[in-house]
Amino acid sequence: RVFSAISPMDAMAMAFNEGQRNLALELFQRVMAHCPEQYLKMAKEASEQE
């Protein structure tokens, strides 16, 4: 759940999860800046396996 806010919970767990989410969003931004076509290919392949 990278693209939605974390639901309220224990303050420490929420802070940790928001930090992890922030890192994931930063990584996603870098991937989309450098090779968006490969990300789209990966997403398509992943959806075909489900």
PDB file of N, CA and C in Angstrom:
ATOM      1  N   ARG A   1       0.838  -1.180   0.000  1.00  0.00           N
ATOM      2  CA  ARG A   1       0.000   0.000   0.000  1.00  0.00           C
ATOM      3  C   ARG A   1       0.879   1.237   0.000  1.00  0.00           C
ATOM      4  N   VAL A   2       1.491   1.499  -1.106  1.00  0.00           N
ATOM      5  CA  VAL A   2       2.413   2.627  -1.203  1.00  0.00           C
ATOM      6  C   VAL A   2       1.680   3.923  -1.508  1.00  0.00           C
ATOM      7  N   PHE A   3       0.614   3.859  -2.277  1.00  0.00           N
ATOM      8  CA  PHE A   3      -0.022   5.074  -2.776  1.00  0.00           C
ATOM      9  C   PHE A   3      -1.158   5.592  -1.905  1.00  0.00           C
ATOM     10  N   SER A   4      -1.375   4.984  -0.759  1.00  0.00           N
ATOM     11  CA  SER A   4      -2.407   5.494   0.148  1.00  0.00           C
ATOM     12  C   SER A   4      -1.796   5.722   1.525  1.00  0.00           C
ATOM     13  N   ALA A   5      -2.390   6.627   2.255  1.00  0.00           N
ATOM     14  CA  ALA A   5      -1.872   6.953   3.584  1.00  0.00           C
ATOM     15  C   ALA A   5      -2.070   5.772   4.528  1.00  0.00           C
ATOM     16  N   ILE A   6      -1.225   5.710   5.521  1.00  0.00           N
ATOM     17  CA  ILE A   6      -1.299   4.662   6.528  1.00  0.00           C
ATOM     18  C   ILE A   6      -2.497   4.931   7.435  1.00  0.00           C
ATOM     19  N   SER A   7      -3.231   3.876   7.768  1.00  0.00           N
ATOM     20  CA  SER A   7      -4.369   4.054   8.673  1.00  0.00           C
ATOM     21  C   SER A   7      -3.865   4.273  10.098  1.00  0.00           C
ATOM     22  N   PRO A   8      -4.608   5.020  10.893  1.00  0.00           N
ATOM     23  CA  PRO A   8      -4.175   5.324  12.263  1.00  0.00           C
ATOM     24  C   PRO A   8      -3.988   4.058  13.097  1.00  0.00           C
ATOM     25  N   MET A   9      -2.939   4.041  13.892  1.00  0.00           N
ATOM     26  CA  MET A   9      -2.629   2.920  14.776  1.00  0.00           C
ATOM     27  C   MET A   9      -1.706   3.442  15.862  1.00  0.00           C
ATOM     28  N   ASP A  10      -1.013   2.579  16.510  1.00  0.00           N
ATOM     29  CA  ASP A  10       0.009   2.957  17.493  1.00  0.00           C
ATOM     30  C   ASP A  10       0.928   4.002  16.862  1.00  0.00           C
ATOM     31  N   ALA A  11       1.232   5.062  17.572  1.00  0.00           N
ATOM     32  CA  ALA A  11       2.009   6.184  17.025  1.00  0.00           C
ATOM     33  C   ALA A  11       3.379   5.747  16.522  1.00  0.00           C
ATOM     34  N   MET A  12       4.055   4.873  17.240  1.00  0.00           N
ATOM     35  CA  MET A  12       5.388   4.424  16.817  1.00  0.00           C
ATOM     36  C   MET A  12       5.306   3.570  15.556  1.00  0.00           C
ATOM     37  N   ALA A  13       4.347   2.676  15.496  1.00  0.00           N
ATOM     38  CA  ALA A  13       4.171   1.836  14.313  1.00  0.00           C
ATOM     39  C   ALA A  13       3.780   2.682  13.117  1.00  0.00           C
ATOM     40  N   MET A  14       2.929   3.665  13.346  1.00  0.00           N
ATOM     41  CA  MET A  14       2.505   4.547  12.260  1.00  0.00           C
ATOM     42  C   MET A  14       3.686   5.353  11.727  1.00  0.00           C
ATOM     43  N   ALA A  15       4.534   5.860  12.616  1.00  0.00           N
ATOM     44  CA  ALA A  15       5.711   6.618  12.187  1.00  0.00           C
ATOM     45  C   ALA A  15       6.653   5.732  11.385  1.00  0.00           C
ATOM     46  N   PHE A  16       6.869   4.506  11.846  1.00  0.00           N
ATOM     47  CA  PHE A  16       7.732   3.570  11.120  1.00  0.00           C
ATOM     48  C   PHE A  16       7.160   3.278   9.736  1.00  0.00           C
ATOM     49  N   ASN A  17       5.873   2.959   9.674  1.00  0.00           N
ATOM     50  CA  ASN A  17       5.242   2.631   8.395  1.00  0.00           C
ATOM     51  C   ASN A  17       5.254   3.812   7.435  1.00  0.00           C
ATOM     52  N   GLU A  18       5.055   5.009   7.932  1.00  0.00           N
ATOM     53  CA  GLU A  18       5.113   6.193   7.065  1.00  0.00           C
ATOM     54  C   GLU A  18       6.532   6.398   6.534  1.00  0.00           C
ATOM     55  N   GLY A  19       7.534   6.112   7.354  1.00  0.00           N
ATOM     56  CA  GLY A  19       8.920   6.200   6.897  1.00  0.00           C
ATOM     57  C   GLY A  19       9.204   5.202   5.789  1.00  0.00           C
ATOM     58  N   GLN A  20       8.728   3.977   5.966  1.00  0.00           N
ATOM     59  CA  GLN A  20       8.904   2.950   4.939  1.00  0.00           C
ATOM     60  C   GLN A  20       8.183   3.355   3.655  1.00  0.00           C
ATOM     61  N   ARG A  21       6.986   3.899   3.801  1.00  0.00           N
ATOM     62  CA  ARG A  21       6.205   4.351   2.641  1.00  0.00           C
ATOM     63  C   ARG A  21       6.934   5.472   1.907  1.00  0.00           C
ATOM     64  N   ASN A  22       7.529   6.380   2.671  1.00  0.00           N
ATOM     65  CA  ASN A  22       8.267   7.489   2.082  1.00  0.00           C
ATOM     66  C   ASN A  22       9.448   6.975   1.255  1.00  0.00           C
ATOM     67  N   LEU A  23      10.167   5.985   1.786  1.00  0.00           N
ATOM     68  CA  LEU A  23      11.281   5.393   1.037  1.00  0.00           C
ATOM     69  C   LEU A  23      10.789   4.734  -0.250  1.00  0.00           C
ATOM     70  N   ALA A  24       9.678   4.031  -0.168  1.00  0.00           N
ATOM     71  CA  ALA A  24       9.128   3.367  -1.349  1.00  0.00           C
ATOM     72  C   ALA A  24       8.710   4.377  -2.412  1.00  0.00           C
ATOM     73  N   LEU A  25       8.115   5.478  -1.992  1.00  0.00           N
ATOM     74  CA  LEU A  25       7.716   6.511  -2.952  1.00  0.00           C
ATOM     75  C   LEU A  25       8.933   7.159  -3.610  1.00  0.00           C
ATOM     76  N   GLU A  26       9.998   7.356  -2.851  1.00  0.00           N
ATOM     77  CA  GLU A  26      11.234   7.917  -3.406  1.00  0.00           C
ATOM     78  C   GLU A  26      11.827   6.967  -4.440  1.00  0.00           C
ATOM     79  N   LEU A  27      11.856   5.680  -4.130  1.00  0.00           N
ATOM     80  CA  LEU A  27      12.371   4.687  -5.071  1.00  0.00           C
ATOM     81  C   LEU A  27      11.509   4.644  -6.329  1.00  0.00           C
ATOM     82  N   PHE A  28      10.199   4.673  -6.156  1.00  0.00           N
ATOM     83  CA  PHE A  28       9.291   4.667  -7.302  1.00  0.00           C
ATOM     84  C   PHE A  28       9.532   5.883  -8.192  1.00  0.00           C
ATOM     85  N   GLN A  29       9.735   7.032  -7.574  1.00  0.00           N
ATOM     86  CA  GLN A  29       9.994   8.258  -8.330  1.00  0.00           C
ATOM     87  C   GLN A  29      11.275   8.126  -9.154  1.00  0.00           C
ATOM     88  N   ARG A  30      12.303   7.538  -8.569  1.00  0.00           N
ATOM     89  CA  ARG A  30      13.561   7.346  -9.302  1.00  0.00           C
ATOM     90  C   ARG A  30      13.388   6.386 -10.464  1.00  0.00           C
ATOM     91  N   VAL A  31      12.679   5.291 -10.234  1.00  0.00           N
ATOM     92  CA  VAL A  31      12.440   4.322 -11.306  1.00  0.00           C
ATOM     93  C   VAL A  31      11.687   4.991 -12.451  1.00  0.00           C
ATOM     94  N   MET A  32      10.638   5.734 -12.130  1.00  0.00           N
ATOM     95  CA  MET A  32       9.842   6.376 -13.170  1.00  0.00           C
ATOM     96  C   MET A  32      10.619   7.470 -13.895  1.00  0.00           C
ATOM     97  N   ALA A  33      11.591   8.077 -13.242  1.00  0.00           N
ATOM     98  CA  ALA A  33      12.404   9.110 -13.887  1.00  0.00           C
ATOM     99  C   ALA A  33      13.410   8.505 -14.860  1.00  0.00           C
ATOM    100  N   HIS A  34      13.889   7.302 -14.576  1.00  0.00           N
ATOM    101  CA  HIS A  34      14.974   6.727 -15.375  1.00  0.00           C
ATOM    102  C   HIS A  34      14.522   5.653 -16.362  1.00  0.00           C
ATOM    103  N   CYS A  35      13.508   4.882 -16.024  1.00  0.00           N
ATOM    104  CA  CYS A  35      13.102   3.803 -16.937  1.00  0.00           C
ATOM    105  C   CYS A  35      11.614   3.467 -16.779  1.00  0.00           C
ATOM    106  N   PRO A  36      10.745   4.433 -17.082  1.00  0.00           N
ATOM    107  CA  PRO A  36       9.309   4.191 -16.894  1.00  0.00           C
ATOM    108  C   PRO A  36       8.774   3.041 -17.746  1.00  0.00           C
ATOM    109  N   GLU A  37       9.326   2.854 -18.939  1.00  0.00           N
ATOM    110  CA  GLU A  37       8.835   1.779 -19.800  1.00  0.00           C
ATOM    111  C   GLU A  37       9.123   0.410 -19.196  1.00  0.00           C
ATOM    112  N   GLN A  38      10.240   0.259 -18.518  1.00  0.00           N
ATOM    113  CA  GLN A  38      10.548  -1.023 -17.888  1.00  0.00           C
ATOM    114  C   GLN A  38       9.662  -1.266 -16.672  1.00  0.00           C
ATOM    115  N   TYR A  39       9.305  -0.211 -15.963  1.00  0.00           N
ATOM    116  CA  TYR A  39       8.376  -0.371 -14.839  1.00  0.00           C
ATOM    117  C   TYR A  39       7.019  -0.841 -15.355  1.00  0.00           C
ATOM    118  N   LEU A  40       6.555  -0.231 -16.436  1.00  0.00           N
ATOM    119  CA  LEU A  40       5.262  -0.621 -16.990  1.00  0.00           C
ATOM    120  C   LEU A  40       5.288  -2.068 -17.471  1.00  0.00           C
ATOM    121  N   LYS A  41       6.408  -2.487 -18.050  1.00  0.00           N
ATOM    122  CA  LYS A  41       6.556  -3.881 -18.477  1.00  0.00           C
ATOM    123  C   LYS A  41       6.489  -4.808 -17.269  1.00  0.00           C
ATOM    124  N   MET A  42       7.185  -4.457 -16.194  1.00  0.00           N
ATOM    125  CA  MET A  42       7.186  -5.263 -14.986  1.00  0.00           C
ATOM    126  C   MET A  42       5.775  -5.360 -14.399  1.00  0.00           C
ATOM    127  N   ALA A  43       5.067  -4.235 -14.345  1.00  0.00           N
ATOM    128  CA  ALA A  43       3.712  -4.223 -13.799  1.00  0.00           C
ATOM    129  C   ALA A  43       2.782  -5.102 -14.636  1.00  0.00           C
ATOM    130  N   LYS A  44       2.945  -5.053 -15.950  1.00  0.00           N
ATOM    131  CA  LYS A  44       2.125  -5.887 -16.831  1.00  0.00           C
ATOM    132  C   LYS A  44       2.409  -7.361 -16.594  1.00  0.00           C
ATOM    133  N   GLU A  45       3.690  -7.724 -16.492  1.00  0.00           N
ATOM    134  CA  GLU A  45       4.060  -9.116 -16.245  1.00  0.00           C
ATOM    135  C   GLU A  45       3.531  -9.590 -14.894  1.00  0.00           C
ATOM    136  N   ALA A  46       3.588  -8.741 -13.898  1.00  0.00           N
ATOM    137  CA  ALA A  46       3.104  -9.114 -12.567  1.00  0.00           C
ATOM    138  C   ALA A  46       1.595  -9.341 -12.580  1.00  0.00           C
ATOM    139  N   SER A  47       0.865  -8.505 -13.320  1.00  0.00           N
ATOM    140  CA  SER A  47      -0.592  -8.668 -13.359  1.00  0.00           C
ATOM    141  C   SER A  47      -0.987  -9.925 -14.127  1.00  0.00           C
ATOM    142  N   GLU A  48      -0.172 -10.340 -15.086  1.00  0.00           N
ATOM    143  CA  GLU A  48      -0.456 -11.562 -15.839  1.00  0.00           C
ATOM    144  C   GLU A  48      -0.268 -12.800 -14.975  1.00  0.00           C
ATOM    145  N   GLN A  49       0.619 -12.721 -13.983  1.00  0.00           N
ATOM    146  CA  GLN A  49       0.888 -13.867 -13.113  1.00  0.00           C
ATOM    147  C   GLN A  49      -0.177 -14.034 -12.039  1.00  0.00           C
ATOM    148  N   GLU A  50      -0.952 -13.009 -11.776  1.00  0.00           N
ATOM    149  CA  GLU A  50      -1.975 -13.085 -10.717  1.00  0.00           C
ATOM    150  C   GLU A  50      -3.218 -13.782 -11.165  1.00  0.00           C
TER     151      GLU A  50
END
